[in-house]
Amino acid sequence: MHALIIEDESLIAMAIEEALRACGFTSFDVAVSTEEAVAAAARKCPDPITADVELRPGCGITAVQSICSAQQIPVLFITGSPGEVRIRMPGHTLVEKPFEEDHIMEAIKVVLDNRDG
């Protein structure tokens, strides 16, 4: 399975990738901006998206809205700005930073189960 990680801090992106690998994901795109995220999703449709809210430059919520306007893709927000997600994307699963690897592993299973059920 393929995941799109929208995260502008490389160490955090690597930690997310490691957690997703433990869940069975085998390929990844990492995008550091809204524009890169939209382009990456156009090149290869991700099975889930993980997204931070605050990017330099851009916004993960804006990227997700753009990508998901044409197709439904499961999304997990991993952010230090949970209030923004609750306001702009209510009902989406989120993990607050700082996080433990098992938080991501549990949340991605919920996101994928919601897609299937």
PDB file of N, CA and C in Angstrom:
ATOM      1  N   MET A   1       0.840  -1.185   0.000  1.00  0.00           N
ATOM      2  CA  MET A   1       0.000   0.000   0.000  1.00  0.00           C
ATOM      3  C   MET A   1       0.878   1.239   0.000  1.00  0.00           C
ATOM      4  N   HIS A   2       0.326   2.307  -0.537  1.00  0.00           N
ATOM      5  CA  HIS A   2       1.061   3.558  -0.718  1.00  0.00           C
ATOM      6  C   HIS A   2       0.466   4.664   0.161  1.00  0.00           C
ATOM      7  N   ALA A   3       1.326   5.396   0.860  1.00  0.00           N
ATOM      8  CA  ALA A   3       0.872   6.481   1.739  1.00  0.00           C
ATOM      9  C   ALA A   3       1.499   7.801   1.302  1.00  0.00           C
ATOM     10  N   LEU A   4       0.731   8.859   1.437  1.00  0.00           N
ATOM     11  CA  LEU A   4       1.221  10.220   1.235  1.00  0.00           C
ATOM     12  C   LEU A   4       1.345  10.859   2.610  1.00  0.00           C
ATOM     13  N   ILE A   5       2.564  11.297   2.944  1.00  0.00           N
ATOM     14  CA  ILE A   5       2.843  11.953   4.219  1.00  0.00           C
ATOM     15  C   ILE A   5       3.048  13.431   3.922  1.00  0.00           C
ATOM     16  N   ILE A   6       2.148  14.265   4.425  1.00  0.00           N
ATOM     17  CA  ILE A   6       2.266  15.715   4.238  1.00  0.00           C
ATOM     18  C   ILE A   6       2.821  16.275   5.541  1.00  0.00           C
ATOM     19  N   GLU A   7       4.112  16.569   5.530  1.00  0.00           N
ATOM     20  CA  GLU A   7       4.822  16.988   6.747  1.00  0.00           C
ATOM     21  C   GLU A   7       6.095  17.719   6.336  1.00  0.00           C
ATOM     22  N   ASP A   8       6.307  18.918   6.882  1.00  0.00           N
ATOM     23  CA  ASP A   8       7.475  19.709   6.481  1.00  0.00           C
ATOM     24  C   ASP A   8       8.688  19.543   7.392  1.00  0.00           C
ATOM     25  N   GLU A   9       8.572  18.744   8.442  1.00  0.00           N
ATOM     26  CA  GLU A   9       9.726  18.480   9.313  1.00  0.00           C
ATOM     27  C   GLU A   9      10.200  17.049   9.049  1.00  0.00           C
ATOM     28  N   SER A  10      11.427  16.924   8.538  1.00  0.00           N
ATOM     29  CA  SER A  10      11.902  15.627   8.048  1.00  0.00           C
ATOM     30  C   SER A  10      11.956  14.553   9.137  1.00  0.00           C
ATOM     31  N   LEU A  11      12.358  14.896  10.348  1.00  0.00           N
ATOM     32  CA  LEU A  11      12.413  13.881  11.403  1.00  0.00           C
ATOM     33  C   LEU A  11      11.026  13.344  11.750  1.00  0.00           C
ATOM     34  N   ILE A  12      10.051  14.219  11.749  1.00  0.00           N
ATOM     35  CA  ILE A  12       8.676  13.787  12.020  1.00  0.00           C
ATOM     36  C   ILE A  12       8.163  12.928  10.869  1.00  0.00           C
ATOM     37  N   ALA A  13       8.455  13.339   9.633  1.00  0.00           N
ATOM     38  CA  ALA A  13       8.041  12.548   8.470  1.00  0.00           C
ATOM     39  C   ALA A  13       8.642  11.146   8.527  1.00  0.00           C
ATOM     40  N   MET A  14       9.917  11.056   8.927  1.00  0.00           N
ATOM     41  CA  MET A  14      10.561   9.740   9.033  1.00  0.00           C
ATOM     42  C   MET A  14       9.912   8.887  10.122  1.00  0.00           C
ATOM     43  N   ALA A  15       9.527   9.498  11.244  1.00  0.00           N
ATOM     44  CA  ALA A  15       8.864   8.761  12.320  1.00  0.00           C
ATOM     45  C   ALA A  15       7.494   8.255  11.864  1.00  0.00           C
ATOM     46  N   ILE A  16       6.778   9.081  11.106  1.00  0.00           N
ATOM     47  CA  ILE A  16       5.469   8.664  10.577  1.00  0.00           C
ATOM     48  C   ILE A  16       5.657   7.512   9.594  1.00  0.00           C
ATOM     49  N   GLU A  17       6.642   7.644   8.712  1.00  0.00           N
ATOM     50  CA  GLU A  17       6.914   6.572   7.744  1.00  0.00           C
ATOM     51  C   GLU A  17       7.241   5.264   8.457  1.00  0.00           C
ATOM     52  N   GLU A  18       8.034   5.334   9.489  1.00  0.00           N
ATOM     53  CA  GLU A  18       8.396   4.131  10.254  1.00  0.00           C
ATOM     54  C   GLU A  18       7.152   3.470  10.847  1.00  0.00           C
ATOM     55  N   ALA A  19       6.263   4.265  11.415  1.00  0.00           N
ATOM     56  CA  ALA A  19       5.022   3.726  11.987  1.00  0.00           C
ATOM     57  C   ALA A  19       4.155   3.085  10.910  1.00  0.00           C
ATOM     58  N   LEU A  20       4.086   3.728   9.743  1.00  0.00           N
ATOM     59  CA  LEU A  20       3.272   3.179   8.653  1.00  0.00           C
ATOM     60  C   LEU A  20       3.890   1.894   8.087  1.00  0.00           C
ATOM     61  N   ARG A  21       5.213   1.836   8.032  1.00  0.00           N
ATOM     62  CA  ARG A  21       5.883   0.597   7.594  1.00  0.00           C
ATOM     63  C   ARG A  21       5.501  -0.556   8.517  1.00  0.00           C
ATOM     64  N   ALA A  22       5.426  -0.275   9.808  1.00  0.00           N
ATOM     65  CA  ALA A  22       5.049  -1.305  10.781  1.00  0.00           C
ATOM     66  C   ALA A  22       3.608  -1.773  10.564  1.00  0.00           C
ATOM     67  N   CYS A  23       2.808  -0.949   9.886  1.00  0.00           N
ATOM     68  CA  CYS A  23       1.423  -1.310   9.566  1.00  0.00           C
ATOM     69  C   CYS A  23       1.302  -1.979   8.199  1.00  0.00           C
ATOM     70  N   GLY A  24       2.432  -2.160   7.503  1.00  0.00           N
ATOM     71  CA  GLY A  24       2.404  -2.865   6.231  1.00  0.00           C
ATOM     72  C   GLY A  24       2.509  -2.002   4.989  1.00  0.00           C
ATOM     73  N   PHE A  25       2.683  -0.712   5.150  1.00  0.00           N
ATOM     74  CA  PHE A  25       2.842   0.147   3.977  1.00  0.00           C
ATOM     75  C   PHE A  25       4.228  -0.049   3.390  1.00  0.00           C
ATOM     76  N   THR A  26       4.304  -0.022   2.065  1.00  0.00           N
ATOM     77  CA  THR A  26       5.568  -0.319   1.395  1.00  0.00           C
ATOM     78  C   THR A  26       6.087   0.819   0.528  1.00  0.00           C
ATOM     79  N   SER A  27       5.254   1.792   0.199  1.00  0.00           N
ATOM     80  CA  SER A  27       5.740   2.918  -0.592  1.00  0.00           C
ATOM     81  C   SER A  27       5.159   4.215  -0.038  1.00  0.00           C
ATOM     82  N   PHE A  28       5.937   5.282  -0.226  1.00  0.00           N
ATOM     83  CA  PHE A  28       5.607   6.566   0.395  1.00  0.00           C
ATOM     84  C   PHE A  28       5.987   7.719  -0.515  1.00  0.00           C
ATOM     85  N   ASP A  29       5.210   8.774  -0.441  1.00  0.00           N
ATOM     86  CA  ASP A  29       5.610  10.087  -0.935  1.00  0.00           C
ATOM     87  C   ASP A  29       5.570  10.999   0.277  1.00  0.00           C
ATOM     88  N   VAL A  30       6.567  11.859   0.402  1.00  0.00           N
ATOM     89  CA  VAL A  30       6.579  12.861   1.463  1.00  0.00           C
ATOM     90  C   VAL A  30       6.513  14.220   0.780  1.00  0.00           C
ATOM     91  N   ALA A  31       5.541  15.017   1.178  1.00  0.00           N
ATOM     92  CA  ALA A  31       5.357  16.352   0.617  1.00  0.00           C
ATOM     93  C   ALA A  31       5.516  17.367   1.739  1.00  0.00           C
ATOM     94  N   VAL A  32       6.241  18.455   1.450  1.00  0.00           N
ATOM     95  CA  VAL A  32       6.492  19.468   2.472  1.00  0.00           C
ATOM     96  C   VAL A  32       5.647  20.721   2.278  1.00  0.00           C
ATOM     97  N   SER A  33       4.867  20.770   1.202  1.00  0.00           N
ATOM     98  CA  SER A  33       4.024  21.940   0.931  1.00  0.00           C
ATOM     99  C   SER A  33       2.696  21.480   0.332  1.00  0.00           C
ATOM    100  N   THR A  34       1.748  22.388   0.300  1.00  0.00           N
ATOM    101  CA  THR A  34       0.446  22.101  -0.308  1.00  0.00           C
ATOM    102  C   THR A  34       0.632  21.676  -1.758  1.00  0.00           C
ATOM    103  N   GLU A  35       1.419  22.440  -2.489  1.00  0.00           N
ATOM    104  CA  GLU A  35       1.642  22.185  -3.914  1.00  0.00           C
ATOM    105  C   GLU A  35       2.271  20.808  -4.146  1.00  0.00           C
ATOM    106  N   GLU A  36       3.287  20.473  -3.360  1.00  0.00           N
ATOM    107  CA  GLU A  36       3.932  19.157  -3.492  1.00  0.00           C
ATOM    108  C   GLU A  36       2.956  18.028  -3.178  1.00  0.00           C
ATOM    109  N   ALA A  37       2.109  18.223  -2.193  1.00  0.00           N
ATOM    110  CA  ALA A  37       1.139  17.193  -1.811  1.00  0.00           C
ATOM    111  C   ALA A  37       0.153  16.918  -2.937  1.00  0.00           C
ATOM    112  N   VAL A  38      -0.383  17.968  -3.523  1.00  0.00           N
ATOM    113  CA  VAL A  38      -1.349  17.816  -4.618  1.00  0.00           C
ATOM    114  C   VAL A  38      -0.685  17.122  -5.807  1.00  0.00           C
ATOM    115  N   ALA A  39       0.550  17.510  -6.127  1.00  0.00           N
ATOM    116  CA  ALA A  39       1.276  16.896  -7.245  1.00  0.00           C
ATOM    117  C   ALA A  39       1.565  15.424  -6.968  1.00  0.00           C
ATOM    118  N   ALA A  40       1.973  15.102  -5.746  1.00  0.00           N
ATOM    119  CA  ALA A  40       2.280  13.714  -5.389  1.00  0.00           C
ATOM    120  C   ALA A  40       1.037  12.838  -5.492  1.00  0.00           C
ATOM    121  N   ALA A  41      -0.099  13.329  -5.034  1.00  0.00           N
ATOM    122  CA  ALA A  41      -1.345  12.563  -5.097  1.00  0.00           C
ATOM    123  C   ALA A  41      -1.797  12.368  -6.541  1.00  0.00           C
ATOM    124  N   ALA A  42      -1.504  13.347  -7.395  1.00  0.00           N
ATOM    125  CA  ALA A  42      -1.864  13.222  -8.810  1.00  0.00           C
ATOM    126  C   ALA A  42      -0.995  12.167  -9.499  1.00  0.00           C
ATOM    127  N   ARG A  43       0.271  12.065  -9.088  1.00  0.00           N
ATOM    128  CA  ARG A  43       1.181  11.077  -9.676  1.00  0.00           C
ATOM    129  C   ARG A  43       0.803   9.661  -9.262  1.00  0.00           C
ATOM    130  N   LYS A  44       0.507   9.487  -7.974  1.00  0.00           N
ATOM    131  CA  LYS A  44       0.164   8.156  -7.456  1.00  0.00           C
ATOM    132  C   LYS A  44      -0.847   8.332  -6.333  1.00  0.00           C
ATOM    133  N   CYS A  45      -2.026   7.786  -6.544  1.00  0.00           N
ATOM    134  CA  CYS A  45      -3.096   7.938  -5.561  1.00  0.00           C
ATOM    135  C   CYS A  45      -2.741   7.190  -4.278  1.00  0.00           C
ATOM    136  N   PRO A  46      -2.722   7.904  -3.153  1.00  0.00           N
ATOM    137  CA  PRO A  46      -2.385   7.242  -1.895  1.00  0.00           C
ATOM    138  C   PRO A  46      -3.558   6.448  -1.332  1.00  0.00           C
ATOM    139  N   ASP A  47      -3.230   5.401  -0.575  1.00  0.00           N
ATOM    140  CA  ASP A  47      -4.265   4.643   0.124  1.00  0.00           C
ATOM    141  C   ASP A  47      -4.746   5.412   1.344  1.00  0.00           C
ATOM    142  N   PRO A  48      -3.825   5.965   2.175  1.00  0.00           N
ATOM    143  CA  PRO A  48      -4.212   6.997   3.124  1.00  0.00           C
ATOM    144  C   PRO A  48      -3.288   8.201   2.946  1.00  0.00           C
ATOM    145  N   ILE A  49      -3.731   9.291   3.522  1.00  0.00           N
ATOM    146  CA  ILE A  49      -2.922  10.509   3.623  1.00  0.00           C
ATOM    147  C   ILE A  49      -2.735  10.789   5.104  1.00  0.00           C
ATOM    148  N   THR A  50      -1.507  11.141   5.505  1.00  0.00           N
ATOM    149  CA  THR A  50      -1.302  11.729   6.826  1.00  0.00           C
ATOM    150  C   THR A  50      -0.920  13.178   6.562  1.00  0.00           C
ATOM    151  N   ALA A  51      -1.444  14.080   7.365  1.00  0.00           N
ATOM    152  CA  ALA A  51      -1.202  15.491   7.095  1.00  0.00           C
ATOM    153  C   ALA A  51      -1.039  16.299   8.365  1.00  0.00           C
ATOM    154  N   ASP A  52      -0.021  17.148   8.349  1.00  0.00           N
ATOM    155  CA  ASP A  52       0.129  18.184   9.362  1.00  0.00           C
ATOM    156  C   ASP A  52      -0.710  19.365   8.891  1.00  0.00           C
ATOM    157  N   VAL A  53      -1.089  20.241   9.792  1.00  0.00           N
ATOM    158  CA  VAL A  53      -1.865  21.415   9.411  1.00  0.00           C
ATOM    159  C   VAL A  53      -0.938  22.528   8.939  1.00  0.00           C
ATOM    160  N   GLU A  54       0.042  22.851   9.756  1.00  0.00           N
ATOM    161  CA  GLU A  54       0.901  23.999   9.457  1.00  0.00           C
ATOM    162  C   GLU A  54       2.129  23.554   8.670  1.00  0.00           C
ATOM    163  N   LEU A  55       2.198  24.005   7.423  1.00  0.00           N
ATOM    164  CA  LEU A  55       3.329  23.713   6.549  1.00  0.00           C
ATOM    165  C   LEU A  55       4.028  25.014   6.200  1.00  0.00           C
ATOM    166  N   ARG A  56       5.298  24.899   5.847  1.00  0.00           N
ATOM    167  CA  ARG A  56       6.032  26.070   5.370  1.00  0.00           C
ATOM    168  C   ARG A  56       6.552  25.763   3.981  1.00  0.00           C
ATOM    169  N   PRO A  57       5.872  26.122   2.931  1.00  0.00           N
ATOM    170  CA  PRO A  57       4.666  26.954   2.858  1.00  0.00           C
ATOM    171  C   PRO A  57       3.395  26.108   2.762  1.00  0.00           C
ATOM    172  N   GLY A  58       2.300  26.725   3.104  1.00  0.00           N
ATOM    173  CA  GLY A  58       1.005  26.109   2.872  1.00  0.00           C
ATOM    174  C   GLY A  58       0.315  25.567   4.106  1.00  0.00           C
ATOM    175  N   CYS A  59      -0.721  24.762   3.829  1.00  0.00           N
ATOM    176  CA  CYS A  59      -1.592  24.227   4.868  1.00  0.00           C
ATOM    177  C   CYS A  59      -2.017  22.812   4.479  1.00  0.00           C
ATOM    178  N   GLY A  60      -1.833  21.880   5.393  1.00  0.00           N
ATOM    179  CA  GLY A  60      -2.214  20.503   5.133  1.00  0.00           C
ATOM    180  C   GLY A  60      -3.704  20.323   4.908  1.00  0.00           C
ATOM    181  N   ILE A  61      -4.515  21.110   5.585  1.00  0.00           N
ATOM    182  CA  ILE A  61      -5.964  21.012   5.391  1.00  0.00           C
ATOM    183  C   ILE A  61      -6.323  21.410   3.964  1.00  0.00           C
ATOM    184  N   THR A  62      -5.736  22.492   3.482  1.00  0.00           N
ATOM    185  CA  THR A  62      -5.982  22.935   2.106  1.00  0.00           C
ATOM    186  C   THR A  62      -5.554  21.858   1.113  1.00  0.00           C
ATOM    187  N   ALA A  63      -4.408  21.233   1.359  1.00  0.00           N
ATOM    188  CA  ALA A  63      -3.929  20.163   0.479  1.00  0.00           C
ATOM    189  C   ALA A  63      -4.915  19.006   0.465  1.00  0.00           C
ATOM    190  N   VAL A  64      -5.362  18.579   1.652  1.00  0.00           N
ATOM    191  CA  VAL A  64      -6.305  17.459   1.755  1.00  0.00           C
ATOM    192  C   VAL A  64      -7.610  17.804   1.042  1.00  0.00           C
ATOM    193  N   GLN A  65      -8.118  19.007   1.242  1.00  0.00           N
ATOM    194  CA  GLN A  65      -9.365  19.401   0.584  1.00  0.00           C
ATOM    195  C   GLN A  65      -9.221  19.359  -0.930  1.00  0.00           C
ATOM    196  N   SER A  66      -8.095  19.812  -1.434  1.00  0.00           N
ATOM    197  CA  SER A  66      -7.860  19.800  -2.872  1.00  0.00           C
ATOM    198  C   SER A  66      -7.754  18.376  -3.404  1.00  0.00           C
ATOM    199  N   ILE A  67      -6.974  17.547  -2.733  1.00  0.00           N
ATOM    200  CA  ILE A  67      -6.774  16.163  -3.172  1.00  0.00           C
ATOM    201  C   ILE A  67      -8.079  15.372  -3.094  1.00  0.00           C
ATOM    202  N   CYS A  68      -8.818  15.548  -2.023  1.00  0.00           N
ATOM    203  CA  CYS A  68     -10.022  14.744  -1.783  1.00  0.00           C
ATOM    204  C   CYS A  68     -11.273  15.301  -2.454  1.00  0.00           C
ATOM    205  N   SER A  69     -11.149  16.407  -3.175  1.00  0.00           N
ATOM    206  CA  SER A  69     -12.323  16.957  -3.861  1.00  0.00           C
ATOM    207  C   SER A  69     -12.753  16.046  -5.009  1.00  0.00           C
ATOM    208  N   ALA A  70     -11.809  15.311  -5.589  1.00  0.00           N
ATOM    209  CA  ALA A  70     -12.118  14.446  -6.717  1.00  0.00           C
ATOM    210  C   ALA A  70     -12.326  12.989  -6.312  1.00  0.00           C
ATOM    211  N   GLN A  71     -11.785  12.587  -5.157  1.00  0.00           N
ATOM    212  CA  GLN A  71     -11.889  11.194  -4.743  1.00  0.00           C
ATOM    213  C   GLN A  71     -11.803  11.091  -3.231  1.00  0.00           C
ATOM    214  N   GLN A  72     -12.416  10.070  -2.694  1.00  0.00           N
ATOM    215  CA  GLN A  72     -12.373   9.875  -1.251  1.00  0.00           C
ATOM    216  C   GLN A  72     -11.137   9.067  -0.887  1.00  0.00           C
ATOM    217  N   ILE A  73     -10.282   9.657  -0.064  1.00  0.00           N
ATOM    218  CA  ILE A  73      -9.068   9.009   0.411  1.00  0.00           C
ATOM    219  C   ILE A  73      -9.076   9.149   1.932  1.00  0.00           C
ATOM    220  N   PRO A  74      -8.809   8.078   2.662  1.00  0.00           N
ATOM    221  CA  PRO A  74      -8.742   8.183   4.123  1.00  0.00           C
ATOM    222  C   PRO A  74      -7.632   9.143   4.558  1.00  0.00           C
ATOM    223  N   VAL A  75      -7.932   9.956   5.561  1.00  0.00           N
ATOM    224  CA  VAL A  75      -6.983  10.974   6.023  1.00  0.00           C
ATOM    225  C   VAL A  75      -6.809  10.867   7.535  1.00  0.00           C
ATOM    226  N   LEU A  76      -5.545  10.935   7.957  1.00  0.00           N
ATOM    227  CA  LEU A  76      -5.185  11.025   9.368  1.00  0.00           C
ATOM    228  C   LEU A  76      -4.390  12.307   9.547  1.00  0.00           C
ATOM    229  N   PHE A  77      -4.900  13.226  10.335  1.00  0.00           N
ATOM    230  CA  PHE A  77      -4.155  14.446  10.635  1.00  0.00           C
ATOM    231  C   PHE A  77      -3.231  14.176  11.817  1.00  0.00           C
ATOM    232  N   ILE A  78      -1.967  14.544  11.655  1.00  0.00           N
ATOM    233  CA  ILE A  78      -0.964  14.416  12.718  1.00  0.00           C
ATOM    234  C   ILE A  78      -0.413  15.821  12.910  1.00  0.00           C
ATOM    235  N   THR A  79      -0.847  16.481  13.988  1.00  0.00           N
ATOM    236  CA  THR A  79      -0.613  17.917  14.067  1.00  0.00           C
ATOM    237  C   THR A  79      -0.512  18.429  15.495  1.00  0.00           C
ATOM    238  N   GLY A  80       0.111  19.562  15.612  1.00  0.00           N
ATOM    239  CA  GLY A  80       0.128  20.299  16.862  1.00  0.00           C
ATOM    240  C   GLY A  80      -0.998  21.329  16.911  1.00  0.00           C
ATOM    241  N   SER A  81      -1.832  21.349  15.868  1.00  0.00           N
ATOM    242  CA  SER A  81      -2.960  22.294  15.772  1.00  0.00           C
ATOM    243  C   SER A  81      -4.284  21.541  15.675  1.00  0.00           C
ATOM    244  N   PRO A  82      -4.638  20.761  16.698  1.00  0.00           N
ATOM    245  CA  PRO A  82      -5.852  19.951  16.603  1.00  0.00           C
ATOM    246  C   PRO A  82      -7.129  20.779  16.504  1.00  0.00           C
ATOM    247  N   GLY A  83      -7.133  21.956  17.117  1.00  0.00           N
ATOM    248  CA  GLY A  83      -8.331  22.798  17.062  1.00  0.00           C
ATOM    249  C   GLY A  83      -8.692  23.195  15.652  1.00  0.00           C
ATOM    250  N   GLU A  84      -7.691  23.466  14.847  1.00  0.00           N
ATOM    251  CA  GLU A  84      -7.916  23.833  13.440  1.00  0.00           C
ATOM    252  C   GLU A  84      -8.566  22.679  12.680  1.00  0.00           C
ATOM    253  N   VAL A  85      -8.124  21.459  12.953  1.00  0.00           N
ATOM    254  CA  VAL A  85      -8.725  20.288  12.309  1.00  0.00           C
ATOM    255  C   VAL A  85     -10.173  20.144  12.754  1.00  0.00           C
ATOM    256  N   ARG A  86     -10.419  20.286  14.056  1.00  0.00           N
ATOM    257  CA  ARG A  86     -11.787  20.122  14.575  1.00  0.00           C
ATOM    258  C   ARG A  86     -12.746  21.154  13.987  1.00  0.00           C
ATOM    259  N   ILE A  87     -12.251  22.346  13.710  1.00  0.00           N
ATOM    260  CA  ILE A  87     -13.097  23.399  13.145  1.00  0.00           C
ATOM    261  C   ILE A  87     -13.300  23.199  11.644  1.00  0.00           C
ATOM    262  N   ARG A  88     -12.208  22.985  10.911  1.00  0.00           N
ATOM    263  CA  ARG A  88     -12.279  22.962   9.450  1.00  0.00           C
ATOM    264  C   ARG A  88     -12.562  21.588   8.856  1.00  0.00           C
ATOM    265  N   MET A  89     -12.239  20.522   9.595  1.00  0.00           N
ATOM    266  CA  MET A  89     -12.420  19.161   9.085  1.00  0.00           C
ATOM    267  C   MET A  89     -13.035  18.280  10.175  1.00  0.00           C
ATOM    268  N   PRO A  90     -14.190  18.661  10.700  1.00  0.00           N
ATOM    269  CA  PRO A  90     -14.779  17.901  11.804  1.00  0.00           C
ATOM    270  C   PRO A  90     -15.008  16.442  11.417  1.00  0.00           C
ATOM    271  N   GLY A  91     -14.805  15.573  12.394  1.00  0.00           N
ATOM    272  CA  GLY A  91     -15.039  14.158  12.155  1.00  0.00           C
ATOM    273  C   GLY A  91     -13.818  13.402  11.664  1.00  0.00           C
ATOM    274  N   HIS A  92     -12.743  14.110  11.302  1.00  0.00           N
ATOM    275  CA  HIS A  92     -11.534  13.422  10.856  1.00  0.00           C
ATOM    276  C   HIS A  92     -10.719  12.946  12.059  1.00  0.00           C
ATOM    277  N   THR A  93     -10.065  11.824  11.877  1.00  0.00           N
ATOM    278  CA  THR A  93      -9.205  11.262  12.914  1.00  0.00           C
ATOM    279  C   THR A  93      -7.945  12.099  13.018  1.00  0.00           C
ATOM    280  N   LEU A  94      -7.490  12.328  14.259  1.00  0.00           N
ATOM    281  CA  LEU A  94      -6.243  13.072  14.416  1.00  0.00           C
ATOM    282  C   LEU A  94      -5.425  12.536  15.556  1.00  0.00           C
ATOM    283  N   VAL A  95      -4.115  12.734  15.410  1.00  0.00           N
ATOM    284  CA  VAL A  95      -3.142  12.407  16.441  1.00  0.00           C
ATOM    285  C   VAL A  95      -2.406  13.704  16.735  1.00  0.00           C
ATOM    286  N   GLU A  96      -2.343  14.050  18.013  1.00  0.00           N
ATOM    287  CA  GLU A  96      -1.661  15.291  18.392  1.00  0.00           C
ATOM    288  C   GLU A  96      -0.168  15.063  18.550  1.00  0.00           C
ATOM    289  N   LYS A  97       0.593  16.060  18.110  1.00  0.00           N
ATOM    290  CA  LYS A  97       2.043  16.075  18.347  1.00  0.00           C
ATOM    291  C   LYS A  97       2.274  16.615  19.743  1.00  0.00           C
ATOM    292  N   PRO A  98       3.258  16.134  20.460  1.00  0.00           N
ATOM    293  CA  PRO A  98       4.128  15.006  20.119  1.00  0.00           C
ATOM    294  C   PRO A  98       3.358  13.693  20.238  1.00  0.00           C
ATOM    295  N   PHE A  99       3.810  12.691  19.497  1.00  0.00           N
ATOM    296  CA  PHE A  99       3.097  11.418  19.444  1.00  0.00           C
ATOM    297  C   PHE A  99       4.059  10.264  19.670  1.00  0.00           C
ATOM    298  N   GLU A 100       3.488   9.121  19.979  1.00  0.00           N
ATOM    299  CA  GLU A 100       4.212   7.862  20.056  1.00  0.00           C
ATOM    300  C   GLU A 100       3.876   7.067  18.800  1.00  0.00           C
ATOM    301  N   GLU A 101       4.773   6.219  18.370  1.00  0.00           N
ATOM    302  CA  GLU A 101       4.543   5.427  17.156  1.00  0.00           C
ATOM    303  C   GLU A 101       3.242   4.636  17.234  1.00  0.00           C
ATOM    304  N   ASP A 102       2.945   4.066  18.401  1.00  0.00           N
ATOM    305  CA  ASP A 102       1.724   3.265  18.512  1.00  0.00           C
ATOM    306  C   ASP A 102       0.457   4.097  18.349  1.00  0.00           C
ATOM    307  N   HIS A 103       0.511   5.401  18.644  1.00  0.00           N
ATOM    308  CA  HIS A 103      -0.657   6.272  18.414  1.00  0.00           C
ATOM    309  C   HIS A 103      -0.983   6.317  16.924  1.00  0.00           C
ATOM    310  N   ILE A 104       0.055   6.435  16.109  1.00  0.00           N
ATOM    311  CA  ILE A 104      -0.153   6.484  14.657  1.00  0.00           C
ATOM    312  C   ILE A 104      -0.645   5.130  14.158  1.00  0.00           C
ATOM    313  N   MET A 105      -0.048   4.068  14.653  1.00  0.00           N
ATOM    314  CA  MET A 105      -0.449   2.734  14.223  1.00  0.00           C
ATOM    315  C   MET A 105      -1.923   2.461  14.543  1.00  0.00           C
ATOM    316  N   GLU A 106      -2.351   2.846  15.728  1.00  0.00           N
ATOM    317  CA  GLU A 106      -3.757   2.653  16.114  1.00  0.00           C
ATOM    318  C   GLU A 106      -4.676   3.532  15.270  1.00  0.00           C
ATOM    319  N   ALA A 107      -4.298   4.790  15.079  1.00  0.00           N
ATOM    320  CA  ALA A 107      -5.152   5.728  14.347  1.00  0.00           C
ATOM    321  C   ALA A 107      -5.264   5.362  12.870  1.00  0.00           C
ATOM    322  N   ILE A 108      -4.176   4.903  12.261  1.00  0.00           N
ATOM    323  CA  ILE A 108      -4.256   4.562  10.835  1.00  0.00           C
ATOM    324  C   ILE A 108      -5.160   3.353  10.633  1.00  0.00           C
ATOM    325  N   LYS A 109      -5.173   2.436  11.592  1.00  0.00           N
ATOM    326  CA  LYS A 109      -6.095   1.291  11.493  1.00  0.00           C
ATOM    327  C   LYS A 109      -7.543   1.766  11.556  1.00  0.00           C
ATOM    328  N   VAL A 110      -7.834   2.718  12.435  1.00  0.00           N
ATOM    329  CA  VAL A 110      -9.182   3.280  12.530  1.00  0.00           C
ATOM    330  C   VAL A 110      -9.577   3.943  11.205  1.00  0.00           C
ATOM    331  N   VAL A 111      -8.666   4.738  10.648  1.00  0.00           N
ATOM    332  CA  VAL A 111      -8.926   5.453   9.396  1.00  0.00           C
ATOM    333  C   VAL A 111      -9.218   4.454   8.265  1.00  0.00           C
ATOM    334  N   LEU A 112      -8.399   3.419   8.170  1.00  0.00           N
ATOM    335  CA  LEU A 112      -8.592   2.428   7.096  1.00  0.00           C
ATOM    336  C   LEU A 112      -9.849   1.586   7.350  1.00  0.00           C
ATOM    337  N   ASP A 113     -10.150   1.260   8.597  1.00  0.00           N
ATOM    338  CA  ASP A 113     -11.379   0.518   8.897  1.00  0.00           C
ATOM    339  C   ASP A 113     -12.617   1.332   8.531  1.00  0.00           C
ATOM    340  N   ASN A 114     -12.574   2.637   8.775  1.00  0.00           N
ATOM    341  CA  ASN A 114     -13.689   3.513   8.431  1.00  0.00           C
ATOM    342  C   ASN A 114     -13.904   3.560   6.920  1.00  0.00           C
ATOM    343  N   ARG A 115     -12.815   3.469   6.182  1.00  0.00           N
ATOM    344  CA  ARG A 115     -12.908   3.452   4.704  1.00  0.00           C
ATOM    345  C   ARG A 115     -13.600   2.187   4.245  1.00  0.00           C
ATOM    346  N   ASP A 116     -13.261   1.070   4.883  1.00  0.00           N
ATOM    347  CA  ASP A 116     -13.790  -0.220   4.457  1.00  0.00           C
ATOM    348  C   ASP A 116     -15.202  -0.493   4.986  1.00  0.00           C
ATOM    349  N   GLY A 117     -15.571   0.181   6.066  1.00  0.00           N
ATOM    350  CA  GLY A 117     -16.846  -0.143   6.679  1.00  0.00           C
ATOM    351  C   GLY A 117     -17.794   0.952   6.518  1.00  0.00           C
TER     352      GLY A 117
END
